[in-house]
N, C-alpha and C. Protein backbone atom coordinates (compact mmCIF):
# COMPACT_ATOMS: atom_id res chain seq x y z
N UNK A 1 15.41 157.91 63.68
CA UNK A 1 15.45 157.88 64.74
C UNK A 1 16.03 156.94 65.64
N UNK A 2 15.09 155.82 65.70
CA UNK A 2 15.23 154.26 66.38
C UNK A 2 15.54 153.65 65.54
N UNK A 3 16.36 153.63 64.15
CA UNK A 3 17.82 152.94 64.42
C UNK A 3 19.03 154.22 64.61
N UNK A 4 18.89 154.53 64.66
CA UNK A 4 19.63 155.64 65.22
C UNK A 4 19.99 154.88 66.83
N UNK A 5 19.20 154.94 67.47
CA UNK A 5 19.23 154.60 68.72
C UNK A 5 20.53 153.29 68.65
N UNK A 6 20.26 152.58 68.07
CA UNK A 6 19.73 151.01 67.50
C UNK A 6 20.69 150.96 67.41
N UNK A 7 21.63 151.18 66.34
CA UNK A 7 23.47 152.22 66.53
C UNK A 7 24.00 152.33 67.28
N UNK A 8 23.72 153.44 67.50
CA UNK A 8 25.02 153.87 69.14
C UNK A 8 24.04 153.13 70.20
N UNK A 9 23.32 152.35 70.67
CA UNK A 9 23.23 151.04 71.73
C UNK A 9 24.43 149.89 71.02
N UNK A 10 24.17 149.66 69.93
CA UNK A 10 25.22 148.15 69.98
C UNK A 10 26.62 148.62 69.42
N UNK A 11 27.44 150.11 69.42
CA UNK A 11 28.77 151.08 68.87
C UNK A 11 28.62 150.15 70.66
N UNK A 12 27.86 151.61 72.03
CA UNK A 12 28.75 150.68 73.40
C UNK A 12 27.85 149.66 73.71
N UNK A 13 28.03 149.56 73.60
CA UNK A 13 27.68 147.43 73.89
C UNK A 13 29.26 147.13 73.48
N UNK A 14 30.08 146.89 72.61
CA UNK A 14 31.08 147.22 71.51
C UNK A 14 32.05 147.46 72.30
N UNK A 15 31.91 148.45 73.12
CA UNK A 15 32.82 149.70 73.64
C UNK A 15 33.82 148.98 74.64
N UNK A 16 32.87 148.16 75.48
CA UNK A 16 32.35 147.77 76.70
C UNK A 16 32.86 146.42 77.09
N UNK A 17 32.43 145.47 75.65
CA UNK A 17 33.12 144.37 75.83
C UNK A 17 34.47 144.65 75.37
N UNK A 18 34.51 145.41 75.14
CA UNK A 18 36.96 146.15 74.58
C UNK A 18 37.26 145.94 76.04
N UNK A 19 36.16 146.70 77.08
CA UNK A 19 37.68 148.12 77.86
C UNK A 19 37.34 146.42 78.84
N UNK A 20 36.47 146.01 78.70
CA UNK A 20 36.88 144.72 79.70
C UNK A 20 37.89 143.70 79.77
N UNK A 21 39.08 143.54 80.66
CA UNK A 21 40.36 142.45 81.13
C UNK A 21 39.99 141.51 80.64
N UNK A 22 40.52 141.02 80.21
CA UNK A 22 40.18 139.00 79.14
C UNK A 22 40.98 137.88 80.43
N UNK A 23 40.20 137.23 80.51
CA UNK A 23 40.11 135.97 81.01
C UNK A 23 41.62 134.96 80.83
N UNK A 24 42.52 134.84 82.18
CA UNK A 24 42.41 133.24 81.20
C UNK A 24 42.16 132.40 80.50
N UNK A 25 42.88 131.72 80.22
CA UNK A 25 41.83 130.77 79.28
C UNK A 25 42.84 128.93 81.04
N UNK A 26 41.86 128.87 80.72
CA UNK A 26 42.41 127.66 82.13
C UNK A 26 42.95 126.72 81.79
N UNK A 27 44.01 126.67 81.01
CA UNK A 27 45.61 125.82 80.25
C UNK A 27 46.43 127.45 80.63
N UNK A 28 46.59 127.86 81.36
CA UNK A 28 47.69 128.73 82.42
C UNK A 28 47.07 128.71 84.04
N UNK A 29 46.00 127.71 83.88
CA UNK A 29 46.63 127.94 85.34
C UNK A 29 46.37 126.34 85.69
N UNK A 30 46.71 125.61 84.83
CA UNK A 30 47.05 124.00 85.21
C UNK A 30 48.21 123.98 86.30
N UNK A 31 47.85 123.00 87.29
CA UNK A 31 48.79 122.50 88.17
C UNK A 31 49.88 122.92 87.57
N UNK A 32 51.75 122.68 88.30
CA UNK A 32 52.62 122.98 87.48
C UNK A 32 53.34 121.83 87.17
N UNK A 33 53.13 121.09 86.52
CA UNK A 33 54.71 118.99 86.35
C UNK A 33 54.77 119.15 86.50
N UNK A 34 55.26 118.45 88.02
CA UNK A 34 55.88 117.87 88.81
C UNK A 34 56.88 116.55 87.75
N UNK A 35 58.45 116.45 88.00
CA UNK A 35 59.32 115.70 86.76
C UNK A 35 58.82 114.20 87.95
N UNK A 36 58.74 113.68 86.61
CA UNK A 36 58.66 112.18 87.12
C UNK A 36 60.63 111.53 87.96
N UNK A 37 59.86 110.39 88.42
CA UNK A 37 61.76 110.16 89.74
C UNK A 37 62.35 109.27 88.45
N UNK A 38 63.50 109.53 88.21
CA UNK A 38 63.91 109.01 87.29
C UNK A 38 64.64 107.42 88.19
N UNK A 39 64.94 107.24 87.05
CA UNK A 39 65.48 105.27 87.68
C UNK A 39 67.15 105.72 88.31
N UNK A 40 68.17 105.83 88.31
CA UNK A 40 68.89 106.51 89.52
C UNK A 40 68.70 107.14 91.04
N UNK A 41 67.08 108.12 90.21
CA UNK A 41 66.34 108.49 92.41
C UNK A 41 65.98 106.87 92.42
N UNK A 42 65.09 106.51 91.63
CA UNK A 42 64.42 105.81 92.27
C UNK A 42 65.36 104.55 93.65
N UNK A 43 66.32 104.70 93.22
CA UNK A 43 67.46 102.73 93.01
C UNK A 43 68.20 103.66 93.64
N UNK A 44 68.89 105.05 94.37
CA UNK A 44 69.69 105.95 94.75
C UNK A 44 68.26 105.63 95.85
N UNK A 45 66.86 105.56 96.23
CA UNK A 45 66.41 106.29 97.43
C UNK A 45 66.17 104.38 98.04
N UNK A 46 66.00 102.80 96.61
CA UNK A 46 65.66 102.08 97.61
C UNK A 46 67.11 101.00 98.32
N UNK A 47 68.28 101.81 97.65
CA UNK A 47 69.28 101.67 98.18
C UNK A 47 69.88 102.31 99.58
N UNK A 48 68.98 103.36 100.31
CA UNK A 48 68.82 103.80 101.66
C UNK A 48 67.88 103.45 102.24
N UNK A 49 67.20 102.24 102.24
CA UNK A 49 66.15 101.40 102.69
C UNK A 49 66.10 100.99 103.07
N UNK A 50 67.20 99.64 101.55
CA UNK A 50 67.69 98.03 102.11
C UNK A 50 68.97 97.99 101.53
N UNK A 51 69.22 97.24 102.42
CA UNK A 51 71.08 97.83 101.50
C UNK A 51 71.48 96.85 100.44
N UNK A 52 72.36 97.39 100.48
CA UNK A 52 72.56 97.40 98.69
C UNK A 52 73.11 95.94 97.95
N UNK A 53 73.36 95.28 99.08
CA UNK A 53 74.69 93.79 98.40
C UNK A 53 72.72 92.79 98.95
N UNK A 54 71.08 93.73 98.91
CA UNK A 54 70.51 92.81 98.62
C UNK A 54 68.63 93.38 98.07
N UNK A 55 69.79 94.04 96.64
CA UNK A 55 67.93 94.49 95.76
C UNK A 55 68.90 93.92 93.96
N UNK A 56 69.87 93.45 93.65
CA UNK A 56 69.86 93.36 92.81
C UNK A 56 68.93 92.66 92.15
N UNK A 57 68.40 93.12 91.30
CA UNK A 57 66.75 92.44 90.08
C UNK A 57 67.38 91.31 89.51
N UNK A 58 68.14 90.94 88.65
CA UNK A 58 68.85 89.87 88.21
C UNK A 58 69.11 88.07 89.27
N UNK A 59 70.22 88.61 90.75
CA UNK A 59 70.44 87.78 91.24
C UNK A 59 68.45 87.88 92.04
N UNK A 60 67.88 88.34 92.67
CA UNK A 60 66.64 87.90 92.40
C UNK A 60 65.94 86.70 91.72
N UNK A 61 66.07 87.67 90.58
CA UNK A 61 64.96 86.55 89.31
C UNK A 61 65.66 84.94 89.42
N UNK A 62 67.02 85.45 89.43
CA UNK A 62 67.51 83.42 89.36
C UNK A 62 67.66 82.82 90.78
N UNK A 63 67.99 84.27 91.54
CA UNK A 63 67.47 83.08 92.98
C UNK A 63 65.95 82.81 93.20
N UNK A 64 65.36 82.93 92.56
CA UNK A 64 63.07 82.38 92.39
C UNK A 64 63.92 81.20 91.13
N UNK A 65 63.87 81.52 90.32
CA UNK A 65 63.86 80.26 89.15
C UNK A 65 64.22 78.93 89.89
N UNK A 66 65.32 79.56 90.50
CA UNK A 66 66.69 78.67 92.07
C UNK A 66 65.33 78.36 92.47
N UNK A 67 65.06 78.58 93.09
CA UNK A 67 63.94 78.11 94.71
C UNK A 67 63.17 77.27 93.88
N UNK A 68 62.65 77.31 93.46
CA UNK A 68 61.79 76.95 92.90
C UNK A 68 61.59 75.21 92.78
N UNK A 69 63.45 74.97 91.90
CA UNK A 69 63.76 74.28 91.58
C UNK A 69 63.95 73.34 93.09
N UNK A 70 64.95 73.95 93.77
CA UNK A 70 65.86 73.50 95.12
C UNK A 70 64.17 72.71 95.57
N UNK A 71 63.33 73.95 95.39
CA UNK A 71 61.71 72.89 97.11
C UNK A 71 60.84 72.15 95.89
N UNK A 72 60.99 72.48 94.70
CA UNK A 72 59.81 71.26 93.73
C UNK A 72 59.45 70.46 95.33
N UNK A 73 59.27 69.46 95.63
CA UNK A 73 59.30 68.77 96.55
C UNK A 73 58.12 69.38 97.10
N UNK A 74 58.65 70.06 98.17
CA UNK A 74 57.90 71.22 99.05
C UNK A 74 56.56 71.88 97.75
N UNK A 75 56.47 72.98 96.95
CA UNK A 75 56.24 73.99 96.61
C UNK A 75 54.82 73.79 96.84
N UNK A 76 53.08 72.40 96.38
CA UNK A 76 52.84 72.76 96.26
C UNK A 76 52.31 72.65 97.72
N UNK A 77 52.89 72.64 99.51
CA UNK A 77 52.85 73.39 100.39
C UNK A 77 52.69 74.47 100.90
N UNK A 78 53.58 75.29 100.23
CA UNK A 78 53.98 76.34 100.38
C UNK A 78 52.63 77.00 100.08
N UNK A 79 53.03 78.28 101.50
CA UNK A 79 51.90 79.12 101.42
C UNK A 79 52.36 80.02 100.52
N UNK A 80 51.69 81.65 100.31
CA UNK A 80 52.37 82.86 99.87
C UNK A 80 52.99 83.44 100.43
N UNK A 81 52.75 82.98 102.65
CA UNK A 81 53.49 83.72 103.02
C UNK A 81 55.06 82.67 102.92
N UNK A 82 55.24 81.44 103.06
CA UNK A 82 56.19 80.83 103.22
C UNK A 82 56.87 81.07 100.90
N UNK A 83 56.01 81.51 100.17
CA UNK A 83 57.17 81.88 98.84
C UNK A 83 57.68 83.17 99.41
N UNK A 84 58.44 83.64 99.99
CA UNK A 84 58.66 84.92 100.56
C UNK A 84 60.30 84.63 100.23
N UNK A 85 61.91 85.77 100.28
CA UNK A 85 62.19 84.65 100.55
C UNK A 85 63.55 86.28 100.85
N UNK A 86 65.03 86.48 101.50
CA UNK A 86 65.30 87.53 101.10
C UNK A 86 67.39 87.75 101.31
N UNK A 87 68.47 87.70 100.20
CA UNK A 87 69.43 87.37 100.37
C UNK A 87 70.33 88.61 100.33
N UNK A 88 71.77 87.35 100.67
CA UNK A 88 72.53 88.23 100.98
C UNK A 88 74.08 88.39 99.34
N UNK A 89 74.45 89.49 99.22
CA UNK A 89 75.93 88.67 98.07
C UNK A 89 76.55 89.60 98.75
N UNK A 90 78.07 88.51 98.85
CA UNK A 90 79.69 88.87 100.31
C UNK A 90 80.23 88.16 99.22
N UNK A 91 80.84 88.47 99.42
CA UNK A 91 82.35 87.86 99.33
C UNK A 91 83.21 86.80 100.81
N UNK A 92 82.92 85.46 100.69
CA UNK A 92 83.61 85.70 102.04
C UNK A 92 84.80 84.72 101.93
N UNK A 93 85.64 84.33 100.31
CA UNK A 93 86.53 83.75 100.77
C UNK A 93 87.44 84.22 100.25
N UNK A 94 87.50 85.16 100.01
CA UNK A 94 88.44 86.07 99.43
C UNK A 94 88.88 85.54 98.05
N UNK A 95 87.93 85.21 97.32
CA UNK A 95 88.07 84.28 96.01
C UNK A 95 87.72 85.58 94.67
N UNK A 96 87.48 86.10 94.59
CA UNK A 96 86.58 88.10 94.07
C UNK A 96 85.53 86.79 93.89
N UNK A 97 84.54 86.50 94.23
CA UNK A 97 83.54 85.62 93.46
C UNK A 97 82.96 86.08 94.72
N UNK A 98 81.12 86.22 94.95
CA UNK A 98 80.18 86.37 95.68
C UNK A 98 79.52 85.58 96.37
N UNK A 99 79.45 84.74 97.41
CA UNK A 99 78.11 84.02 97.15
C UNK A 99 77.24 84.76 97.93
N UNK A 100 76.40 84.09 98.15
CA UNK A 100 75.38 84.30 98.20
C UNK A 100 74.21 83.77 100.06
N UNK A 101 74.10 84.45 100.66
CA UNK A 101 73.59 83.42 101.58
C UNK A 101 71.50 83.93 101.17
N UNK A 102 70.47 83.44 101.32
CA UNK A 102 69.22 83.66 101.48
C UNK A 102 68.95 83.06 102.34
N UNK A 103 67.84 83.62 103.13
CA UNK A 103 66.83 83.99 103.75
C UNK A 103 65.47 83.26 103.53
N UNK A 104 64.82 82.05 103.59
CA UNK A 104 64.17 81.88 104.06
C UNK A 104 63.21 81.89 104.83
N UNK A 105 61.98 81.92 104.58
CA UNK A 105 60.46 82.60 105.12
C UNK A 105 59.21 82.28 105.67
N UNK A 106 58.39 82.75 106.35
CA UNK A 106 56.68 82.19 106.59
C UNK A 106 57.71 80.63 107.70
N UNK A 107 55.59 80.79 107.81
CA UNK A 107 56.10 79.09 109.05
C UNK A 107 56.57 77.65 108.38
N UNK A 108 56.40 77.47 107.19
CA UNK A 108 56.64 76.69 106.58
C UNK A 108 58.59 76.63 107.26
N UNK A 109 58.87 77.66 107.01
CA UNK A 109 60.82 77.07 107.36
C UNK A 109 60.63 77.88 107.99
N UNK A 110 60.33 78.78 108.90
CA UNK A 110 60.93 79.07 110.40
C UNK A 110 60.35 78.73 112.00
N UNK A 111 60.14 78.69 112.67
CA UNK A 111 60.03 77.79 114.69
C UNK A 111 59.95 78.78 115.26
N UNK A 112 60.85 78.05 116.31
CA UNK A 112 60.57 79.40 117.44
C UNK A 112 62.27 79.25 117.50
N UNK A 113 63.06 77.91 117.12
CA UNK A 113 64.12 78.22 117.50
C UNK A 113 65.23 79.12 115.79
N UNK A 114 64.07 79.13 115.49
CA UNK A 114 65.08 80.14 113.89
C UNK A 114 64.73 79.81 112.39
N UNK A 115 65.10 80.60 111.51
CA UNK A 115 64.60 80.03 110.38
C UNK A 115 65.80 79.28 109.60
N UNK A 116 65.00 78.44 108.32
CA UNK A 116 66.06 77.42 107.51
C UNK A 116 67.13 78.33 106.68
N UNK A 117 68.14 79.26 106.61
CA UNK A 117 68.74 79.81 105.23
C UNK A 117 69.72 78.64 104.74
N UNK A 118 70.08 79.42 103.56
CA UNK A 118 71.05 78.43 102.53
C UNK A 118 72.03 79.53 102.55
N UNK A 119 72.76 78.82 102.11
CA UNK A 119 74.67 79.37 101.77
C UNK A 119 74.78 79.01 100.36
N UNK A 120 75.24 79.56 98.82
CA UNK A 120 75.28 79.27 97.57
C UNK A 120 76.55 79.70 96.95
N UNK A 121 77.09 79.45 95.86
CA UNK A 121 78.15 79.61 95.06
C UNK A 121 77.71 80.69 94.43
N UNK A 122 78.56 80.75 93.55
CA UNK A 122 77.96 81.95 91.88
C UNK A 122 77.17 81.11 91.52
N UNK A 123 77.53 79.58 91.17
CA UNK A 123 76.80 78.74 89.80
C UNK A 123 75.37 78.58 91.21
N UNK A 124 74.76 78.26 92.04
CA UNK A 124 73.79 78.02 92.75
C UNK A 124 73.53 77.19 93.43
N UNK A 125 75.29 76.35 93.40
CA UNK A 125 75.56 74.94 94.81
C UNK A 125 75.25 75.13 96.06
N UNK A 126 75.18 74.49 97.28
CA UNK A 126 74.58 74.61 98.14
C UNK A 126 75.60 74.06 99.11
N UNK A 127 76.06 75.30 99.44
CA UNK A 127 77.24 75.41 100.38
C UNK A 127 76.87 74.52 101.77
N UNK A 128 76.11 75.63 102.72
CA UNK A 128 75.38 74.47 103.43
C UNK A 128 74.76 75.77 103.50
N UNK A 129 73.24 74.85 103.98
CA UNK A 129 71.89 74.57 104.47
C UNK A 129 71.29 74.72 105.83
N UNK A 130 71.70 75.95 106.96
CA UNK A 130 71.42 76.28 107.53
C UNK A 130 69.85 76.06 108.05
N UNK A 131 69.63 75.19 109.66
CA UNK A 131 68.60 74.95 110.20
C UNK A 131 68.89 76.13 111.15
N UNK A 132 67.41 76.25 111.61
CA UNK A 132 67.38 76.52 112.88
C UNK A 132 68.48 77.50 114.04
N UNK A 133 68.36 79.16 112.38
CA UNK A 133 69.54 79.86 112.83
C UNK A 133 68.03 81.52 112.83
N UNK A 134 69.14 81.77 114.00
CA UNK A 134 67.89 83.58 113.43
C UNK A 134 69.38 84.73 113.01
N UNK A 135 68.43 85.72 112.72
CA UNK A 135 68.55 86.15 111.34
C UNK A 135 68.81 87.60 113.29
N UNK A 136 70.03 88.45 112.79
CA UNK A 136 71.07 88.29 111.62
C UNK A 136 71.22 86.70 112.29
N UNK A 137 72.51 87.16 110.53
CA UNK A 137 74.39 86.73 110.69
C UNK A 137 75.03 87.63 110.43
N UNK A 138 76.67 87.31 111.56
CA UNK A 138 77.61 88.20 111.44
C UNK A 138 78.36 88.01 110.84
N UNK A 139 79.59 88.50 110.20
CA UNK A 139 80.66 88.23 108.82
C UNK A 139 80.98 89.04 109.34
N UNK A 140 82.63 87.57 110.36
CA UNK A 140 83.44 89.12 111.12
C UNK A 140 84.56 88.86 109.47
N UNK A 141 85.66 89.52 110.08
CA UNK A 141 86.66 89.84 109.17
C UNK A 141 87.73 88.62 109.33
N UNK A 142 87.62 88.08 110.13
CA UNK A 142 88.26 86.98 110.63
C UNK A 142 87.95 85.93 109.83
N UNK A 143 89.43 85.03 109.03
CA UNK A 143 89.49 84.30 108.10
C UNK A 143 89.68 82.46 108.60
N UNK A 144 88.88 81.90 108.86
CA UNK A 144 89.47 79.66 109.27
C UNK A 144 88.88 79.67 108.37
N UNK A 145 90.43 78.42 107.76
CA UNK A 145 90.68 77.33 106.57
C UNK A 145 90.09 78.66 105.82
N UNK A 146 90.32 79.97 105.88
CA UNK A 146 90.45 80.31 104.26
C UNK A 146 88.10 81.67 103.89
N UNK A 147 88.31 80.96 104.55
CA UNK A 147 86.23 81.53 104.77
C UNK A 147 86.48 82.69 106.56
N UNK A 148 85.57 83.31 106.49
CA UNK A 148 85.03 84.29 107.05
C UNK A 148 84.16 83.44 108.27
N UNK A 149 84.58 84.26 109.61
CA UNK A 149 83.67 82.92 110.39
C UNK A 149 82.53 83.92 110.97
N UNK A 150 81.17 83.33 111.11
CA UNK A 150 80.24 83.25 110.90
C UNK A 150 79.89 83.26 112.37
N UNK A 151 78.94 84.37 112.56
CA UNK A 151 77.95 83.75 114.73
C UNK A 151 76.79 84.94 114.27
N UNK A 152 76.91 83.52 114.82
CA UNK A 152 74.59 83.97 115.62
C UNK A 152 74.69 83.43 117.23
N UNK A 153 73.25 84.20 116.86
CA UNK A 153 72.72 84.13 118.36
C UNK A 153 72.25 82.85 118.68
N UNK A 154 72.47 82.06 119.22
CA UNK A 154 70.69 81.33 119.92
C UNK A 154 70.73 80.72 121.08
N UNK A 155 69.77 80.52 121.39
CA UNK A 155 69.65 80.64 122.61
C UNK A 155 69.80 81.39 124.18
N UNK A 156 70.20 82.74 123.20
CA UNK A 156 71.09 83.84 124.26
C UNK A 156 71.77 84.18 124.18
N UNK A 157 72.70 83.10 123.46
CA UNK A 157 74.27 83.49 123.83
C UNK A 157 75.18 83.12 121.95
N UNK A 158 76.08 83.75 121.75
CA UNK A 158 76.85 83.47 120.27
C UNK A 158 77.58 82.79 120.31
N UNK A 159 76.59 81.38 118.89
CA UNK A 159 77.97 80.54 118.54
C UNK A 159 79.13 80.93 116.61
N UNK A 160 80.12 80.20 117.36
CA UNK A 160 80.93 80.10 115.96
C UNK A 160 80.65 79.27 115.04
N UNK A 161 80.79 80.04 113.28
CA UNK A 161 80.18 79.49 112.47
C UNK A 161 81.34 79.08 111.97
N UNK A 162 81.92 77.93 112.26
CA UNK A 162 83.69 77.76 111.39
C UNK A 162 83.68 77.03 109.73
N UNK A 163 84.06 77.38 108.79
CA UNK A 163 83.90 76.53 107.68
C UNK A 163 84.98 75.57 108.12
N UNK A 164 84.82 73.97 107.43
CA UNK A 164 85.57 72.92 107.18
C UNK A 164 84.86 72.12 106.41
N UNK A 165 85.67 71.43 105.38
CA UNK A 165 85.58 70.59 105.08
C UNK A 165 84.43 70.69 104.00
N UNK A 166 84.49 71.93 103.15
CA UNK A 166 83.50 71.87 101.59
C UNK A 166 82.63 72.66 103.00
N UNK A 167 82.22 72.99 104.12
CA UNK A 167 80.79 73.71 104.06
C UNK A 167 80.61 74.24 105.71
N UNK A 168 79.61 75.07 106.14
CA UNK A 168 79.90 75.39 108.35
C UNK A 168 79.26 74.23 108.38
N UNK A 169 78.95 74.97 109.65
CA UNK A 169 77.98 73.06 110.55
C UNK A 169 76.44 74.43 110.25
N UNK A 170 75.37 73.40 110.28
CA UNK A 170 74.28 73.30 110.05
C UNK A 170 73.61 73.72 110.81
N UNK A 171 73.78 73.16 111.66
CA UNK A 171 72.84 73.77 113.18
C UNK A 171 73.08 74.36 114.06
N UNK A 172 73.54 75.34 114.27
CA UNK A 172 74.13 76.38 115.61
C UNK A 172 73.94 76.30 117.40
N UNK A 173 72.57 75.20 116.93
CA UNK A 173 72.00 74.85 119.08
C UNK A 173 72.64 73.58 119.41
N UNK A 174 73.46 72.58 117.78
CA UNK A 174 74.18 71.71 119.30
C UNK A 174 75.84 72.26 119.06
N UNK A 175 75.53 73.26 118.61
CA UNK A 175 77.43 74.48 119.01
C UNK A 175 77.84 74.77 120.56
N UNK A 176 78.67 74.41 120.90
CA UNK A 176 79.07 75.69 122.70
C UNK A 176 79.17 76.77 122.00
N UNK A 177 79.04 77.40 122.82
CA UNK A 177 78.68 79.25 122.90
C UNK A 177 80.29 79.58 122.87
N UNK A 178 80.51 81.03 121.75
CA UNK A 178 81.60 81.41 121.86
C UNK A 178 82.37 81.84 122.74
N UNK A 179 83.25 81.48 122.20
CA UNK A 179 84.51 82.07 123.94
C UNK A 179 83.83 83.88 123.94
N UNK A 180 82.97 84.77 123.72
CA UNK A 180 83.21 86.29 123.47
C UNK A 180 81.73 86.24 123.77
N UNK A 181 80.90 86.78 124.21
CA UNK A 181 79.81 87.26 124.41
C UNK A 181 79.09 88.43 123.81
N UNK A 182 79.47 88.88 121.83
CA UNK A 182 79.33 90.23 121.00
C UNK A 182 80.15 89.29 120.02
N UNK A 183 79.86 90.59 119.06
CA UNK A 183 81.08 90.59 117.56
C UNK A 183 81.21 91.06 117.78
N UNK A 184 82.52 91.13 116.62
CA UNK A 184 84.06 92.80 116.81
C UNK A 184 82.78 93.76 116.46
N UNK A 185 83.62 95.29 116.37
CA UNK A 185 83.08 96.03 115.66
C UNK A 185 83.25 96.45 114.82
N UNK A 186 83.94 95.12 114.04
CA UNK A 186 84.13 95.65 112.42
C UNK A 186 83.58 94.54 111.73
N UNK A 187 82.98 93.61 111.73
CA UNK A 187 81.52 92.44 111.94
C UNK A 187 80.94 92.79 110.65
N UNK A 188 80.52 92.78 109.16
CA UNK A 188 79.58 92.43 108.36
C UNK A 188 78.24 92.31 108.98
N UNK A 189 77.26 92.58 109.47
CA UNK A 189 76.08 92.44 109.47
C UNK A 189 74.21 92.32 108.19
N UNK A 190 74.02 90.78 108.29
CA UNK A 190 73.64 89.70 107.32
C UNK A 190 72.11 90.13 107.38
N UNK A 191 71.07 90.52 107.22
CA UNK A 191 69.20 89.98 107.33
C UNK A 191 69.26 90.96 109.12
N UNK A 192 68.68 92.15 109.57
CA UNK A 192 69.20 92.60 110.36
C UNK A 192 68.02 94.05 109.62
N UNK A 193 67.14 94.38 110.65
CA UNK A 193 66.25 95.20 109.99
C UNK A 193 66.09 96.64 110.09
N UNK A 194 67.63 96.60 111.19
CA UNK A 194 67.67 98.30 111.67
C UNK A 194 68.89 98.89 111.03
N UNK A 195 69.97 97.25 111.13
CA UNK A 195 71.62 97.47 110.42
C UNK A 195 71.79 97.66 109.17
N UNK A 196 71.21 96.61 108.98
CA UNK A 196 71.57 96.17 107.22
C UNK A 196 69.65 95.48 106.29
N UNK A 197 69.02 96.37 106.28
CA UNK A 197 67.43 96.14 106.22
C UNK A 197 67.33 94.97 104.38
N UNK A 198 66.98 93.24 104.64
CA UNK A 198 66.90 93.25 103.86
C UNK A 198 65.96 93.52 102.29
N UNK A 199 65.63 93.60 101.04
CA UNK A 199 64.55 93.35 100.57
C UNK A 199 64.09 92.35 100.61
N UNK A 200 62.98 92.68 100.43
CA UNK A 200 61.83 91.13 100.76
C UNK A 200 60.88 90.93 98.70
N UNK A 201 61.57 89.42 98.35
CA UNK A 201 60.75 89.21 97.49
C UNK A 201 60.16 88.66 97.39
N UNK A 202 58.62 87.71 96.42
CA UNK A 202 58.08 86.07 96.55
C UNK A 202 58.84 84.94 95.30
N UNK A 203 59.78 83.52 94.95
CA UNK A 203 58.85 83.10 93.62
C UNK A 203 57.74 81.66 93.93
């Protein structure tokens, strides 16, 4: 009799277990996988943050090498903050090749009057080294001597930078006031935090 009861108890236990709902496996409860951002999406988002003329990685790498060589005598005196730069690629003489404006940053290159900017040709040759120059810089569609007219603000007024004899004036502070009080509505803007934000790199 005792063996019959044991067998009956065992059968009932098996029936009870088989009737319980099956628990979901942990893997089925995992959070959904979010696809990684594609490189195309990342590049598109970067262009929304920074103007596209300032983000080319190969240009940035070339400029990093150029600046280390160009500033070799100064390099040991530069802090990490001084080793920052921005650039902007644009064809300002309609020859089909882009010139490169480089904005040097940090207290070594900047003072109360402005900062040092470089204008390079596609070979990395310096066309103009601008001193005490403030951002933003405006590129007017008007050409003088085959090169775009540049406008910068200095001491509260605009100054015209006209290309002559292979270069632009390198010190806007010594130039007379421009004959107007604002850029044209068609000027291209460089190095402006609101309208033409440039990506910052280190060298």
